[in-house]
Amino acid sequence: RAKEYLLDVAGDGYVIASGEVRQEDTAEVQRACAGCAWHVCAATDCLGECTASGCSCSRSINPSARDGFARAAAQRLAEVAAGRDEVAYASLGCGLLRFDFAFLQGLLDARVPVTSVHLVDTQYDPDASGHQHHRAALAQFAAWFSDRGVEVYAHPSLEKFAFRARQAQVLPVAVLQVDCTELTWAFDQEVKPMLEEVLAYGGLFCALTAREGAANGGASGTSDAFGEVWRLAPESGRLRLVSRLRWRPGEAEPRALGEDE
């Protein structure tokens, strides 16, 4: 399907893509995103998300976790973005981009002035086993949002993203990480140091994990999902945990966790 789109990724990660989106599909997709639903059409049929039967972040196990986390993260991001004319955010381990598509569409509908998004996934490496599928999803994502004034960048590693962000002096106000086990395990060694380099002061790191937090290799034998919000403290330049939520299957609303839980 990527062949149906004009798609090129520049040396700085900037994605150039174009593809025809039918007007009736545009309205249906926007309506679905606004209602926490999903509309499959020619503009979105390459997008997807994790459907692993044993994953507590999957909709089959924990139906409210992803959408609940998206709402919580969007509210936090909107608060941090208040008063800004331009907003950049990044998504780590973004996969097939269904979450980011609905999340970004929701931000734009809420008039959050997102002007650029940085997508980070090892499958953007041309030698990766799933590259073609992820390339097709990237093409659909970039084609959709290029018509909405959003610049899309794709990076095949944390290192590439950090280097390019520093080089371009990009300071994202938020970085998301949704259900990416590899990065959950690497939080202290790789993710956290990188975030403390590239996040804007006061910026947020929002993570949804199937374990007890991004910084906590933690319990994995549970069907609960955990959401965390970290903030880059301007006074210290270090990330500080500010909020933890727990979604249990069958419960529509999450439970806020205390520091000792």
C-alpha atoms as a PDB file:
ATOM      1  CA  ARG A   1       0.000   0.000   0.000  1.00  0.00           C
ATOM      2  CA  ALA A   2       2.912   2.416   0.534  1.00  0.00           C
ATOM      3  CA  LYS A   3       3.333   2.425  -3.248  1.00  0.00           C
ATOM      4  CA  GLU A   4      -0.036   4.173  -3.535  1.00  0.00           C
ATOM      5  CA  TYR A   5       1.428   7.214  -1.759  1.00  0.00           C
ATOM      6  CA  LEU A   6       4.201   9.587  -2.604  1.00  0.00           C
ATOM      7  CA  LEU A   7       6.499   8.997   0.369  1.00  0.00           C
ATOM      8  CA  ASP A   8       9.999  10.263   1.036  1.00  0.00           C
ATOM      9  CA  VAL A   9      11.919  10.641   4.291  1.00  0.00           C
ATOM     10  CA  ALA A  10      14.575  13.353   4.268  1.00  0.00           C
ATOM     11  CA  GLY A  11      17.898  13.236   6.062  1.00  0.00           C
ATOM     12  CA  ASP A  12      16.470  15.031   9.109  1.00  0.00           C
ATOM     13  CA  GLY A  13      13.527  12.625   9.285  1.00  0.00           C
ATOM     14  CA  TYR A  14      11.017  14.966   7.632  1.00  0.00           C
ATOM     15  CA  VAL A  15       8.324  12.923   5.902  1.00  0.00           C
ATOM     16  CA  ILE A  16       6.908  14.004   2.551  1.00  0.00           C
ATOM     17  CA  ALA A  17       3.742  12.118   1.683  1.00  0.00           C
ATOM     18  CA  SER A  18       0.643  12.655  -0.350  1.00  0.00           C
ATOM     19  CA  GLY A  19      -2.373  10.548  -1.096  1.00  0.00           C
ATOM     20  CA  GLU A  20      -5.961  11.200  -2.066  1.00  0.00           C
ATOM     21  CA  VAL A  21      -8.446  11.242   0.813  1.00  0.00           C
ATOM     22  CA  ARG A  22     -12.119  11.238  -0.101  1.00  0.00           C
ATOM     23  CA  GLN A  23     -14.197  13.982   1.498  1.00  0.00           C
ATOM     24  CA  GLU A  24     -16.742  11.506   2.850  1.00  0.00           C
ATOM     25  CA  ASP A  25     -13.944   9.509   4.485  1.00  0.00           C
ATOM     26  CA  THR A  26     -12.585  12.667   6.106  1.00  0.00           C
ATOM     27  CA  ALA A  27     -15.878  13.385   7.830  1.00  0.00           C
ATOM     28  CA  GLU A  28     -16.325   9.769   8.993  1.00  0.00           C
ATOM     29  CA  VAL A  29     -12.787   9.519  10.371  1.00  0.00           C
ATOM     30  CA  GLN A  30     -13.079  12.797  12.274  1.00  0.00           C
ATOM     31  CA  ARG A  31     -16.449  11.755  13.694  1.00  0.00           C
ATOM     32  CA  ALA A  32     -15.070   8.414  14.827  1.00  0.00           C
ATOM     33  CA  CYS A  33     -11.995   9.959  16.490  1.00  0.00           C
ATOM     34  CA  ALA A  34     -14.196  12.439  18.353  1.00  0.00           C
ATOM     35  CA  GLY A  35     -16.278   9.565  19.711  1.00  0.00           C
ATOM     36  CA  CYS A  36     -13.341   7.322  20.733  1.00  0.00           C
ATOM     37  CA  ALA A  37     -14.201   4.984  17.867  1.00  0.00           C
ATOM     38  CA  TRP A  38     -12.288   3.945  14.764  1.00  0.00           C
ATOM     39  CA  HIS A  39     -13.308   4.178  11.121  1.00  0.00           C
ATOM     40  CA  VAL A  40     -11.505   1.968   8.621  1.00  0.00           C
ATOM     41  CA  CYS A  41     -11.335   3.356   5.098  1.00  0.00           C
ATOM     42  CA  ALA A  42      -8.797   3.809   2.316  1.00  0.00           C
ATOM     43  CA  ALA A  43      -7.141   6.597   4.331  1.00  0.00           C
ATOM     44  CA  THR A  44      -6.682   4.544   7.534  1.00  0.00           C
ATOM     45  CA  ASP A  45      -6.645   0.860   6.609  1.00  0.00           C
ATOM     46  CA  CYS A  46      -2.877   0.473   7.103  1.00  0.00           C
ATOM     47  CA  LEU A  47      -2.978   1.888  10.632  1.00  0.00           C
ATOM     48  CA  GLY A  48      -3.172  -0.431  13.607  1.00  0.00           C
ATOM     49  CA  GLU A  49      -2.173  -1.140  17.182  1.00  0.00           C
ATOM     50  CA  CYS A  50      -1.105  -4.044  19.405  1.00  0.00           C
ATOM     51  CA  THR A  51      -3.751  -6.754  19.615  1.00  0.00           C
ATOM     52  CA  ALA A  52      -1.743  -9.300  21.628  1.00  0.00           C
ATOM     53  CA  SER A  53      -4.205 -11.411  23.587  1.00  0.00           C
ATOM     54  CA  GLY A  54      -2.089 -11.372  26.733  1.00  0.00           C
ATOM     55  CA  CYS A  55      -1.344  -7.623  26.775  1.00  0.00           C
ATOM     56  CA  SER A  56      -3.133  -5.668  29.488  1.00  0.00           C
ATOM     57  CA  CYS A  57      -2.989  -2.524  27.328  1.00  0.00           C
ATOM     58  CA  SER A  58      -4.908  -4.182  24.494  1.00  0.00           C
ATOM     59  CA  ARG A  59      -8.557  -3.355  23.937  1.00  0.00           C
ATOM     60  CA  SER A  60      -9.539  -7.022  24.216  1.00  0.00           C
ATOM     61  CA  ILE A  61      -8.172  -7.272  27.766  1.00  0.00           C
ATOM     62  CA  ASN A  62      -8.596  -3.714  29.042  1.00  0.00           C
ATOM     63  CA  PRO A  63     -11.074  -1.817  26.825  1.00  0.00           C
ATOM     64  CA  SER A  64     -10.878   1.529  28.642  1.00  0.00           C
ATOM     65  CA  ALA A  65      -7.095   1.850  29.076  1.00  0.00           C
ATOM     66  CA  ARG A  66      -5.979   3.276  25.731  1.00  0.00           C
ATOM     67  CA  ASP A  67      -8.789   5.786  25.286  1.00  0.00           C
ATOM     68  CA  GLY A  68      -8.650   6.777  28.959  1.00  0.00           C
ATOM     69  CA  PHE A  69      -4.914   7.314  28.753  1.00  0.00           C
ATOM     70  CA  ALA A  70      -5.340   9.337  25.555  1.00  0.00           C
ATOM     71  CA  ARG A  71      -7.818  11.660  27.262  1.00  0.00           C
ATOM     72  CA  ALA A  72      -5.600  12.102  30.326  1.00  0.00           C
ATOM     73  CA  ALA A  73      -2.472  12.743  28.230  1.00  0.00           C
ATOM     74  CA  ALA A  74      -4.284  15.161  25.917  1.00  0.00           C
ATOM     75  CA  GLN A  75      -5.564  17.182  28.866  1.00  0.00           C
ATOM     76  CA  ARG A  76      -2.068  17.404  30.348  1.00  0.00           C
ATOM     77  CA  LEU A  77      -0.552  18.361  26.998  1.00  0.00           C
ATOM     78  CA  ALA A  78      -3.170  21.052  26.405  1.00  0.00           C
ATOM     79  CA  GLU A  79      -2.356  22.571  29.798  1.00  0.00           C
ATOM     80  CA  VAL A  80       1.384  22.681  29.057  1.00  0.00           C
ATOM     81  CA  ALA A  81       0.739  24.058  25.561  1.00  0.00           C
ATOM     82  CA  ALA A  82      -1.441  26.932  26.771  1.00  0.00           C
ATOM     83  CA  GLY A  83      -0.149  30.243  25.433  1.00  0.00           C
ATOM     84  CA  ARG A  84       2.110  28.660  22.816  1.00  0.00           C
ATOM     85  CA  ASP A  85       1.728  29.348  19.109  1.00  0.00           C
ATOM     86  CA  GLU A  86       3.539  26.170  18.054  1.00  0.00           C
ATOM     87  CA  VAL A  87       3.626  22.782  19.739  1.00  0.00           C
ATOM     88  CA  ALA A  88       5.785  19.748  18.996  1.00  0.00           C
ATOM     89  CA  TYR A  89       5.326  16.327  20.521  1.00  0.00           C
ATOM     90  CA  ALA A  90       7.023  12.964  20.037  1.00  0.00           C
ATOM     91  CA  SER A  91       5.870   9.368  20.235  1.00  0.00           C
ATOM     92  CA  LEU A  92       8.287   6.569  21.145  1.00  0.00           C
ATOM     93  CA  GLY A  93       7.726   3.028  19.882  1.00  0.00           C
ATOM     94  CA  CYS A  94       4.739   4.326  17.949  1.00  0.00           C
ATOM     95  CA  GLY A  95       4.135   1.157  15.919  1.00  0.00           C
ATOM     96  CA  LEU A  96       1.364   1.288  13.317  1.00  0.00           C
ATOM     97  CA  LEU A  97       0.159   4.700  14.468  1.00  0.00           C
ATOM     98  CA  ARG A  98      -3.530   4.154  15.217  1.00  0.00           C
ATOM     99  CA  PHE A  99      -3.112   5.632  18.707  1.00  0.00           C
ATOM    100  CA  ASP A 100      -1.166   8.662  17.486  1.00  0.00           C
ATOM    101  CA  PHE A 101      -3.587   9.279  14.631  1.00  0.00           C
ATOM    102  CA  ALA A 102      -6.596   9.522  16.957  1.00  0.00           C
ATOM    103  CA  PHE A 103      -4.582  11.373  19.618  1.00  0.00           C
ATOM    104  CA  LEU A 104      -3.284  14.027  17.228  1.00  0.00           C
ATOM    105  CA  GLN A 105      -6.669  14.442  15.544  1.00  0.00           C
ATOM    106  CA  GLY A 106      -8.181  15.036  18.985  1.00  0.00           C
ATOM    107  CA  LEU A 107      -5.572  17.668  19.830  1.00  0.00           C
ATOM    108  CA  LEU A 108      -6.224  19.524  16.595  1.00  0.00           C
ATOM    109  CA  ASP A 109      -9.987  19.361  17.147  1.00  0.00           C
ATOM    110  CA  ALA A 110      -9.371  20.884  20.592  1.00  0.00           C
ATOM    111  CA  ARG A 111      -7.384  23.678  18.904  1.00  0.00           C
ATOM    112  CA  VAL A 112      -4.059  22.707  20.446  1.00  0.00           C
ATOM    113  CA  PRO A 113      -1.595  24.270  17.945  1.00  0.00           C
ATOM    114  CA  VAL A 114       0.411  21.141  17.109  1.00  0.00           C
ATOM    115  CA  THR A 115       2.731  21.995  14.233  1.00  0.00           C
ATOM    116  CA  SER A 116       5.066  18.999  14.292  1.00  0.00           C
ATOM    117  CA  VAL A 117       5.132  15.409  15.508  1.00  0.00           C
ATOM    118  CA  HIS A 118       8.182  13.174  15.796  1.00  0.00           C
ATOM    119  CA  LEU A 119       7.561   9.438  15.415  1.00  0.00           C
ATOM    120  CA  VAL A 120      10.219   7.052  16.726  1.00  0.00           C
ATOM    121  CA  ASP A 121      10.233   3.332  15.916  1.00  0.00           C
ATOM    122  CA  THR A 122      12.935   0.832  15.004  1.00  0.00           C
ATOM    123  CA  GLN A 123      10.706  -0.429  12.169  1.00  0.00           C
ATOM    124  CA  TYR A 124      11.469   2.771  10.242  1.00  0.00           C
ATOM    125  CA  ASP A 125      14.887   1.280   9.563  1.00  0.00           C
ATOM    126  CA  PRO A 126      14.727  -0.004   5.949  1.00  0.00           C
ATOM    127  CA  ASP A 127      16.361  -3.271   7.066  1.00  0.00           C
ATOM    128  CA  ALA A 128      13.764  -3.968   9.774  1.00  0.00           C
ATOM    129  CA  SER A 129      11.523  -6.987   9.256  1.00  0.00           C
ATOM    130  CA  GLY A 130       8.282  -4.994   9.444  1.00  0.00           C
ATOM    131  CA  HIS A 131       9.487  -1.960   7.535  1.00  0.00           C
ATOM    132  CA  GLN A 132       7.056  -2.131   4.621  1.00  0.00           C
ATOM    133  CA  HIS A 133       3.961  -2.370   6.816  1.00  0.00           C
ATOM    134  CA  HIS A 134       5.158   0.496   9.007  1.00  0.00           C
ATOM    135  CA  ARG A 135       6.085   2.526   5.934  1.00  0.00           C
ATOM    136  CA  ALA A 136       2.520   2.162   4.635  1.00  0.00           C
ATOM    137  CA  ALA A 137       1.115   3.308   7.993  1.00  0.00           C
ATOM    138  CA  LEU A 138       3.548   6.248   8.041  1.00  0.00           C
ATOM    139  CA  ALA A 139       2.466   7.217   4.529  1.00  0.00           C
ATOM    140  CA  GLN A 140      -1.214   7.304   5.497  1.00  0.00           C
ATOM    141  CA  PHE A 141      -0.489   9.205   8.718  1.00  0.00           C
ATOM    142  CA  ALA A 142       1.704  11.832   7.047  1.00  0.00           C
ATOM    143  CA  ALA A 143      -0.622  12.261   4.061  1.00  0.00           C
ATOM    144  CA  TRP A 144      -3.566  12.910   6.375  1.00  0.00           C
ATOM    145  CA  PHE A 145      -1.862  15.412   8.657  1.00  0.00           C
ATOM    146  CA  SER A 146       0.172  17.252   6.024  1.00  0.00           C
ATOM    147  CA  ASP A 147      -3.160  18.671   4.856  1.00  0.00           C
ATOM    148  CA  ARG A 148      -3.743  19.920   8.400  1.00  0.00           C
ATOM    149  CA  GLY A 149      -0.556  21.936   8.771  1.00  0.00           C
ATOM    150  CA  VAL A 150       1.397  19.356  10.789  1.00  0.00           C
ATOM    151  CA  GLU A 151       4.976  18.451   9.878  1.00  0.00           C
ATOM    152  CA  VAL A 152       5.685  14.751  10.415  1.00  0.00           C
ATOM    153  CA  TYR A 153       9.154  13.373  11.181  1.00  0.00           C
ATOM    154  CA  ALA A 154      10.169   9.715  11.402  1.00  0.00           C
ATOM    155  CA  HIS A 155      13.215   8.424  13.281  1.00  0.00           C
ATOM    156  CA  PRO A 156      14.462   4.792  13.443  1.00  0.00           C
ATOM    157  CA  SER A 157      16.016   5.040  16.933  1.00  0.00           C
ATOM    158  CA  LEU A 158      16.099   7.069  20.127  1.00  0.00           C
ATOM    159  CA  GLU A 159      19.639   8.128  19.272  1.00  0.00           C
ATOM    160  CA  LYS A 160      18.653   9.460  15.850  1.00  0.00           C
ATOM    161  CA  PHE A 161      15.698  11.331  17.321  1.00  0.00           C
ATOM    162  CA  ALA A 162      17.796  12.898  20.089  1.00  0.00           C
ATOM    163  CA  PHE A 163      20.570  13.907  17.676  1.00  0.00           C
ATOM    164  CA  ARG A 164      18.179  15.426  15.142  1.00  0.00           C
ATOM    165  CA  ALA A 165      16.141  17.188  17.834  1.00  0.00           C
ATOM    166  CA  ARG A 166      19.269  18.819  19.261  1.00  0.00           C
ATOM    167  CA  GLN A 167      20.529  19.697  15.798  1.00  0.00           C
ATOM    168  CA  ALA A 168      17.231  21.368  14.842  1.00  0.00           C
ATOM    169  CA  GLN A 169      16.764  22.837  18.339  1.00  0.00           C
ATOM    170  CA  VAL A 170      13.405  21.096  18.652  1.00  0.00           C
ATOM    171  CA  LEU A 171      12.048  21.075  22.198  1.00  0.00           C
ATOM    172  CA  PRO A 172       8.912  18.897  22.330  1.00  0.00           C
ATOM    173  CA  VAL A 173       6.466  19.851  25.084  1.00  0.00           C
ATOM    174  CA  ALA A 174       5.419  16.211  25.437  1.00  0.00           C
ATOM    175  CA  VAL A 175       6.703  12.742  24.630  1.00  0.00           C
ATOM    176  CA  LEU A 176       4.394   9.723  24.610  1.00  0.00           C
ATOM    177  CA  GLN A 177       5.195   6.052  25.017  1.00  0.00           C
ATOM    178  CA  VAL A 178       2.261   3.690  24.572  1.00  0.00           C
ATOM    179  CA  ASP A 179       2.624  -0.011  25.303  1.00  0.00           C
ATOM    180  CA  CYS A 180       6.247  -0.444  24.225  1.00  0.00           C
ATOM    181  CA  THR A 181       7.795  -3.166  26.385  1.00  0.00           C
ATOM    182  CA  GLU A 182      11.325  -2.726  25.038  1.00  0.00           C
ATOM    183  CA  LEU A 183      11.429   0.924  26.070  1.00  0.00           C
ATOM    184  CA  THR A 184       9.773   0.236  29.425  1.00  0.00           C
ATOM    185  CA  TRP A 185      12.700  -1.975  30.338  1.00  0.00           C
ATOM    186  CA  ALA A 186      15.176   0.637  29.047  1.00  0.00           C
ATOM    187  CA  PHE A 187      13.642   3.636  30.834  1.00  0.00           C
ATOM    188  CA  ASP A 188      16.393   4.359  33.365  1.00  0.00           C
ATOM    189  CA  GLN A 189      19.311   3.530  31.075  1.00  0.00           C
ATOM    190  CA  GLU A 190      18.171   5.066  27.770  1.00  0.00           C
ATOM    191  CA  VAL A 191      14.800   6.793  27.746  1.00  0.00           C
ATOM    192  CA  LYS A 192      15.048   9.009  30.810  1.00  0.00           C
ATOM    193  CA  PRO A 193      18.520  10.462  29.993  1.00  0.00           C
ATOM    194  CA  MET A 194      17.355  11.211  26.444  1.00  0.00           C
ATOM    195  CA  LEU A 195      14.200  12.939  27.670  1.00  0.00           C
ATOM    196  CA  GLU A 196      16.195  15.142  30.027  1.00  0.00           C
ATOM    197  CA  GLU A 197      18.176  16.313  26.993  1.00  0.00           C
ATOM    198  CA  VAL A 198      15.377  17.037  24.516  1.00  0.00           C
ATOM    199  CA  LEU A 199      12.199  17.921  26.444  1.00  0.00           C
ATOM    200  CA  ALA A 200      11.254  21.568  26.888  1.00  0.00           C
ATOM    201  CA  TYR A 201      11.448  22.752  30.501  1.00  0.00           C
ATOM    202  CA  GLY A 202       8.139  21.926  32.089  1.00  0.00           C
ATOM    203  CA  GLY A 203       7.530  19.345  29.338  1.00  0.00           C
ATOM    204  CA  LEU A 204       5.845  16.007  29.925  1.00  0.00           C
ATOM    205  CA  PHE A 205       6.579  12.335  29.439  1.00  0.00           C
ATOM    206  CA  CYS A 206       3.356  10.302  29.380  1.00  0.00           C
ATOM    207  CA  ALA A 207       3.582   6.504  29.352  1.00  0.00           C
ATOM    208  CA  LEU A 208       1.023   3.705  29.221  1.00  0.00           C
ATOM    209  CA  THR A 209       2.490   0.355  30.214  1.00  0.00           C
ATOM    210  CA  ALA A 210       1.410  -3.182  30.975  1.00  0.00           C
ATOM    211  CA  ARG A 211       3.679  -3.100  34.021  1.00  0.00           C
ATOM    212  CA  GLU A 212       3.773  -0.942  37.103  1.00  0.00           C
ATOM    213  CA  GLY A 213       5.279   2.131  35.490  1.00  0.00           C
ATOM    214  CA  ALA A 214       7.927   3.137  32.984  1.00  0.00           C
ATOM    215  CA  ALA A 215      10.610   3.331  35.673  1.00  0.00           C
ATOM    216  CA  ASN A 216       9.575   0.099  37.342  1.00  0.00           C
ATOM    217  CA  GLY A 217      10.304  -3.216  35.614  1.00  0.00           C
ATOM    218  CA  GLY A 218       7.522  -4.188  37.967  1.00  0.00           C
ATOM    219  CA  ALA A 219       4.797  -6.771  38.082  1.00  0.00           C
ATOM    220  CA  SER A 220       3.758  -8.117  34.718  1.00  0.00           C
ATOM    221  CA  GLY A 221       1.367 -10.898  35.724  1.00  0.00           C
ATOM    222  CA  THR A 222      -1.609  -8.581  35.899  1.00  0.00           C
ATOM    223  CA  SER A 223      -4.405  -7.552  33.546  1.00  0.00           C
ATOM    224  CA  ASP A 224      -4.171  -3.937  34.733  1.00  0.00           C
ATOM    225  CA  ALA A 225      -2.643  -1.086  32.722  1.00  0.00           C
ATOM    226  CA  PHE A 226      -0.675   1.771  34.248  1.00  0.00           C
ATOM    227  CA  GLY A 227      -0.365   5.373  33.131  1.00  0.00           C
ATOM    228  CA  GLU A 228       2.341   7.751  34.292  1.00  0.00           C
ATOM    229  CA  VAL A 229       3.042  11.423  33.786  1.00  0.00           C
ATOM    230  CA  TRP A 230       6.544  12.783  34.374  1.00  0.00           C
ATOM    231  CA  ARG A 231       7.508  16.446  34.189  1.00  0.00           C
ATOM    232  CA  LEU A 232      10.883  17.994  33.414  1.00  0.00           C
ATOM    233  CA  ALA A 233      11.420  20.285  36.397  1.00  0.00           C
ATOM    234  CA  PRO A 234      12.830  23.661  35.216  1.00  0.00           C
ATOM    235  CA  GLU A 235      14.744  24.168  38.449  1.00  0.00           C
ATOM    236  CA  SER A 236      16.703  20.908  38.213  1.00  0.00           C
ATOM    237  CA  GLY A 237      16.465  19.810  34.582  1.00  0.00           C
ATOM    238  CA  ARG A 238      15.425  16.362  35.825  1.00  0.00           C
ATOM    239  CA  LEU A 239      12.266  14.332  35.299  1.00  0.00           C
ATOM    240  CA  ARG A 240       9.916  14.105  38.252  1.00  0.00           C
ATOM    241  CA  LEU A 241       6.951  11.735  38.546  1.00  0.00           C
ATOM    242  CA  VAL A 242       3.763  13.746  39.049  1.00  0.00           C
ATOM    243  CA  SER A 243       0.902  11.307  38.442  1.00  0.00           C
ATOM    244  CA  ARG A 244       0.156   7.577  38.297  1.00  0.00           C
ATOM    245  CA  LEU A 245      -3.102   5.968  37.175  1.00  0.00           C
ATOM    246  CA  ARG A 246      -4.253   2.363  37.119  1.00  0.00           C
ATOM    247  CA  TRP A 247      -6.862   0.983  34.728  1.00  0.00           C
ATOM    248  CA  ARG A 248      -8.542  -2.289  35.698  1.00  0.00           C
ATOM    249  CA  PRO A 249     -10.512  -4.339  33.155  1.00  0.00           C
ATOM    250  CA  GLY A 250     -14.227  -3.673  33.471  1.00  0.00           C
ATOM    251  CA  GLU A 251     -13.773  -0.295  35.154  1.00  0.00           C
ATOM    252  CA  ALA A 252     -14.500   2.791  33.023  1.00  0.00           C
ATOM    253  CA  GLU A 253     -12.394   5.173  35.112  1.00  0.00           C
ATOM    254  CA  PRO A 254      -8.826   4.767  36.383  1.00  0.00           C
ATOM    255  CA  ARG A 255      -7.717   4.890  39.985  1.00  0.00           C
ATOM    256  CA  ALA A 256      -5.097   7.442  41.023  1.00  0.00           C
ATOM    257  CA  LEU A 257      -2.173   5.775  42.810  1.00  0.00           C
ATOM    258  CA  GLY A 258      -0.263   7.180  45.745  1.00  0.00           C
ATOM    259  CA  GLU A 259       3.507   7.423  45.944  1.00  0.00           C
ATOM    260  CA  ASP A 260       3.775   4.152  47.894  1.00  0.00           C
ATOM    261  CA  GLU A 261       1.502   2.080  45.601  1.00  0.00           C
END
